[in-house]
N, C-alpha and C. Protein backbone atom coordinates (compact mmCIF):
# COMPACT_ATOMS: atom_id res chain seq x y z
N MET A 1 44.48 89.18 -10.43
CA MET A 1 43.76 90.36 -10.82
C MET A 1 44.70 91.45 -11.31
N ASP A 2 45.84 91.57 -10.67
CA ASP A 2 46.80 92.59 -11.09
C ASP A 2 47.27 92.35 -12.52
N ALA A 3 47.38 91.09 -12.90
CA ALA A 3 47.77 90.76 -14.27
C ALA A 3 46.69 91.23 -15.24
N TYR A 4 45.43 91.07 -14.85
CA TYR A 4 44.33 91.54 -15.70
C TYR A 4 44.37 93.06 -15.82
N LYS A 5 44.59 93.73 -14.70
CA LYS A 5 44.65 95.20 -14.72
C LYS A 5 45.77 95.67 -15.63
N SER A 6 46.91 95.02 -15.54
CA SER A 6 48.06 95.39 -16.37
C SER A 6 47.74 95.19 -17.86
N LYS A 7 47.10 94.09 -18.16
CA LYS A 7 46.75 93.78 -19.55
C LYS A 7 45.73 94.81 -20.09
N ILE A 8 44.75 95.17 -19.26
CA ILE A 8 43.75 96.16 -19.65
C ILE A 8 44.40 97.51 -19.86
N ARG A 9 45.27 97.90 -18.95
CA ARG A 9 45.98 99.18 -19.11
C ARG A 9 46.83 99.19 -20.38
N GLY A 10 47.44 98.06 -20.69
CA GLY A 10 48.22 97.96 -21.92
C GLY A 10 47.36 98.18 -23.14
N PHE A 11 46.16 97.62 -23.13
CA PHE A 11 45.22 97.85 -24.24
C PHE A 11 44.82 99.31 -24.30
N PHE A 12 44.49 99.88 -23.15
CA PHE A 12 44.12 101.30 -23.11
C PHE A 12 45.22 102.17 -23.68
N SER A 13 46.47 101.86 -23.34
CA SER A 13 47.59 102.72 -23.73
C SER A 13 47.79 102.77 -25.24
N ARG A 14 47.20 101.84 -25.97
CA ARG A 14 47.27 101.90 -27.43
C ARG A 14 46.37 103.00 -27.99
N PHE A 15 45.43 103.48 -27.17
CA PHE A 15 44.44 104.45 -27.62
C PHE A 15 44.53 105.80 -26.93
N PHE A 16 45.03 105.82 -25.69
CA PHE A 16 45.12 107.09 -24.96
C PHE A 16 46.16 106.97 -23.85
N LYS A 17 46.59 108.13 -23.35
CA LYS A 17 47.57 108.15 -22.27
C LYS A 17 46.92 107.67 -20.98
N THR A 18 47.58 106.75 -20.34
CA THR A 18 47.04 106.19 -19.11
C THR A 18 47.73 106.73 -17.86
N ASP A 19 48.68 107.63 -18.04
CA ASP A 19 49.34 108.24 -16.89
C ASP A 19 48.30 108.92 -16.01
N GLY A 20 48.30 108.59 -14.75
CA GLY A 20 47.38 109.21 -13.82
C GLY A 20 45.98 108.61 -13.81
N LEU A 21 45.73 107.61 -14.64
CA LEU A 21 44.42 106.96 -14.67
C LEU A 21 44.33 105.96 -13.53
N GLY A 22 43.41 106.18 -12.62
CA GLY A 22 43.22 105.27 -11.50
C GLY A 22 42.34 104.10 -11.90
N ASP A 23 42.39 103.04 -11.12
CA ASP A 23 41.61 101.84 -11.42
C ASP A 23 40.10 102.09 -11.39
N LYS A 24 39.67 103.10 -10.63
CA LYS A 24 38.25 103.40 -10.52
C LYS A 24 37.81 104.56 -11.41
N ASP A 25 38.75 105.21 -12.09
CA ASP A 25 38.42 106.38 -12.92
C ASP A 25 37.56 105.98 -14.12
N ASP A 26 36.51 106.76 -14.35
CA ASP A 26 35.57 106.52 -15.44
C ASP A 26 36.19 107.01 -16.75
N ILE A 27 36.52 106.08 -17.64
CA ILE A 27 37.21 106.44 -18.89
C ILE A 27 36.28 107.14 -19.87
N PHE A 28 34.97 106.94 -19.75
CA PHE A 28 34.02 107.61 -20.64
C PHE A 28 33.73 109.02 -20.14
N ALA A 29 33.40 109.14 -18.85
CA ALA A 29 33.12 110.46 -18.27
C ALA A 29 34.36 111.34 -18.30
N GLY A 30 35.53 110.73 -18.20
CA GLY A 30 36.78 111.49 -18.21
C GLY A 30 37.20 111.94 -19.61
N GLY A 31 36.45 111.52 -20.62
CA GLY A 31 36.74 111.95 -21.98
C GLY A 31 37.89 111.20 -22.64
N TYR A 32 38.31 110.11 -22.06
CA TYR A 32 39.40 109.34 -22.63
C TYR A 32 38.99 108.62 -23.92
N VAL A 33 37.74 108.17 -23.96
CA VAL A 33 37.29 107.31 -25.06
C VAL A 33 35.87 107.66 -25.50
N ASN A 34 35.45 107.00 -26.60
CA ASN A 34 34.10 107.19 -27.11
C ASN A 34 33.45 105.84 -27.36
N SER A 35 32.27 105.85 -27.96
CA SER A 35 31.53 104.60 -28.16
C SER A 35 32.22 103.66 -29.15
N LEU A 36 32.95 104.19 -30.11
CA LEU A 36 33.69 103.34 -31.04
C LEU A 36 34.74 102.53 -30.28
N PHE A 37 35.40 103.18 -29.34
CA PHE A 37 36.38 102.48 -28.51
C PHE A 37 35.70 101.35 -27.73
N ALA A 38 34.48 101.58 -27.26
CA ALA A 38 33.76 100.56 -26.50
C ALA A 38 33.61 99.29 -27.32
N MET A 39 33.32 99.42 -28.59
CA MET A 39 33.16 98.25 -29.45
C MET A 39 34.51 97.53 -29.62
N GLN A 40 35.58 98.29 -29.77
CA GLN A 40 36.91 97.69 -29.88
C GLN A 40 37.28 96.98 -28.57
N LEU A 41 36.94 97.59 -27.47
CA LEU A 41 37.22 97.01 -26.16
C LEU A 41 36.50 95.68 -25.98
N ILE A 42 35.24 95.64 -26.34
CA ILE A 42 34.45 94.42 -26.20
C ILE A 42 35.05 93.30 -27.05
N ALA A 43 35.37 93.61 -28.30
CA ALA A 43 35.96 92.59 -29.18
C ALA A 43 37.28 92.09 -28.61
N TRP A 44 38.10 92.99 -28.10
CA TRP A 44 39.39 92.62 -27.51
C TRP A 44 39.19 91.75 -26.28
N LEU A 45 38.27 92.13 -25.40
CA LEU A 45 38.02 91.35 -24.18
C LEU A 45 37.59 89.94 -24.52
N GLU A 46 36.68 89.80 -25.48
CA GLU A 46 36.22 88.47 -25.86
C GLU A 46 37.36 87.61 -26.39
N LYS A 47 38.21 88.21 -27.19
CA LYS A 47 39.32 87.47 -27.80
C LYS A 47 40.41 87.15 -26.77
N ASP A 48 40.89 88.16 -26.09
CA ASP A 48 42.05 87.98 -25.21
C ASP A 48 41.73 87.23 -23.91
N PHE A 49 40.51 87.36 -23.43
CA PHE A 49 40.16 86.71 -22.17
C PHE A 49 39.26 85.49 -22.39
N ASP A 50 38.99 85.18 -23.65
CA ASP A 50 38.18 84.01 -24.01
C ASP A 50 36.85 84.00 -23.25
N ILE A 51 36.15 85.12 -23.34
CA ILE A 51 34.83 85.25 -22.72
C ILE A 51 33.82 85.66 -23.78
N VAL A 52 32.55 85.50 -23.46
CA VAL A 52 31.48 85.95 -24.34
C VAL A 52 30.74 87.06 -23.61
N ILE A 53 30.70 88.22 -24.24
CA ILE A 53 29.97 89.36 -23.68
C ILE A 53 28.58 89.33 -24.30
N GLU A 54 27.61 89.11 -23.46
CA GLU A 54 26.22 88.99 -23.91
C GLU A 54 25.51 90.33 -23.85
N ASP A 55 24.35 90.39 -24.47
CA ASP A 55 23.57 91.63 -24.49
C ASP A 55 23.34 92.17 -23.08
N ALA A 56 23.08 91.28 -22.14
CA ALA A 56 22.82 91.69 -20.76
C ALA A 56 24.05 92.36 -20.11
N ASP A 57 25.22 92.09 -20.66
CA ASP A 57 26.46 92.67 -20.12
C ASP A 57 26.74 94.06 -20.67
N LEU A 58 26.02 94.47 -21.71
CA LEU A 58 26.31 95.72 -22.42
C LEU A 58 25.77 96.92 -21.66
N LYS A 59 26.34 97.15 -20.50
CA LYS A 59 26.03 98.30 -19.66
C LYS A 59 27.32 99.08 -19.48
N ILE A 60 27.23 100.38 -19.58
CA ILE A 60 28.43 101.22 -19.46
C ILE A 60 29.16 100.94 -18.14
N SER A 61 28.41 100.60 -17.11
CA SER A 61 29.01 100.36 -15.80
C SER A 61 29.94 99.14 -15.80
N ASN A 62 29.82 98.26 -16.79
CA ASN A 62 30.72 97.11 -16.89
C ASN A 62 32.03 97.43 -17.58
N PHE A 63 32.12 98.59 -18.22
CA PHE A 63 33.27 98.91 -19.05
C PHE A 63 33.91 100.27 -18.76
N ASN A 64 33.42 100.99 -17.77
CA ASN A 64 33.86 102.37 -17.61
C ASN A 64 35.12 102.57 -16.77
N SER A 65 35.67 101.50 -16.23
CA SER A 65 36.92 101.64 -15.47
C SER A 65 37.68 100.31 -15.49
N VAL A 66 38.92 100.38 -15.12
CA VAL A 66 39.73 99.16 -15.03
C VAL A 66 39.08 98.19 -14.05
N ASP A 67 38.68 98.69 -12.89
CA ASP A 67 38.05 97.83 -11.88
C ASP A 67 36.76 97.20 -12.39
N ALA A 68 35.95 97.97 -13.12
CA ALA A 68 34.68 97.45 -13.64
C ALA A 68 34.93 96.34 -14.66
N ILE A 69 35.94 96.51 -15.48
CA ILE A 69 36.26 95.50 -16.49
C ILE A 69 36.78 94.23 -15.83
N VAL A 70 37.64 94.38 -14.84
CA VAL A 70 38.15 93.21 -14.11
C VAL A 70 37.00 92.47 -13.43
N ALA A 71 36.05 93.21 -12.86
CA ALA A 71 34.89 92.58 -12.22
C ALA A 71 34.07 91.81 -13.25
N LEU A 72 33.89 92.38 -14.44
CA LEU A 72 33.15 91.69 -15.49
C LEU A 72 33.86 90.40 -15.89
N ILE A 73 35.16 90.48 -16.08
CA ILE A 73 35.93 89.28 -16.43
C ILE A 73 35.77 88.24 -15.31
N GLY A 74 35.81 88.69 -14.07
CA GLY A 74 35.64 87.79 -12.93
C GLY A 74 34.31 87.07 -12.93
N ARG A 75 33.26 87.77 -13.35
CA ARG A 75 31.95 87.13 -13.44
C ARG A 75 31.89 86.14 -14.59
N LYS A 76 32.65 86.40 -15.62
CA LYS A 76 32.66 85.52 -16.79
C LYS A 76 33.64 84.35 -16.62
N LYS A 77 34.71 84.57 -15.86
CA LYS A 77 35.75 83.56 -15.64
C LYS A 77 36.10 83.53 -14.16
N PRO A 78 35.18 83.18 -13.28
CA PRO A 78 35.45 83.28 -11.85
C PRO A 78 36.67 82.51 -11.37
N ALA A 79 36.93 81.34 -11.91
CA ALA A 79 38.08 80.55 -11.45
C ALA A 79 39.39 81.23 -11.81
N ALA A 80 39.44 81.91 -12.94
CA ALA A 80 40.68 82.54 -13.39
C ALA A 80 41.07 83.73 -12.53
N VAL A 81 40.09 84.49 -12.05
CA VAL A 81 40.37 85.68 -11.26
C VAL A 81 40.80 85.31 -9.86
N THR A 82 40.22 84.29 -9.29
CA THR A 82 40.54 83.93 -7.91
C THR A 82 41.78 83.04 -7.83
N ALA A 83 42.21 82.48 -8.95
CA ALA A 83 43.36 81.58 -8.93
C ALA A 83 44.66 82.33 -8.74
């Protein structure tokens, strides 16, 4: 999981400063990102983690923090997160 968090933070750092960003901090409510970023994030997650994000997954709560994104990946790739 820590590897996933590191990879997600690396992606975030291409768009905004991640200093002081906690794993549970809401990146949308905190003003770090906007809806355009959300689309880039989804495309990146599908490509880099080899998952399919379905319409049912398109809830802000699945993408608003590092922890939420890791949990989503875990639901899509359960064996990879627990390994």
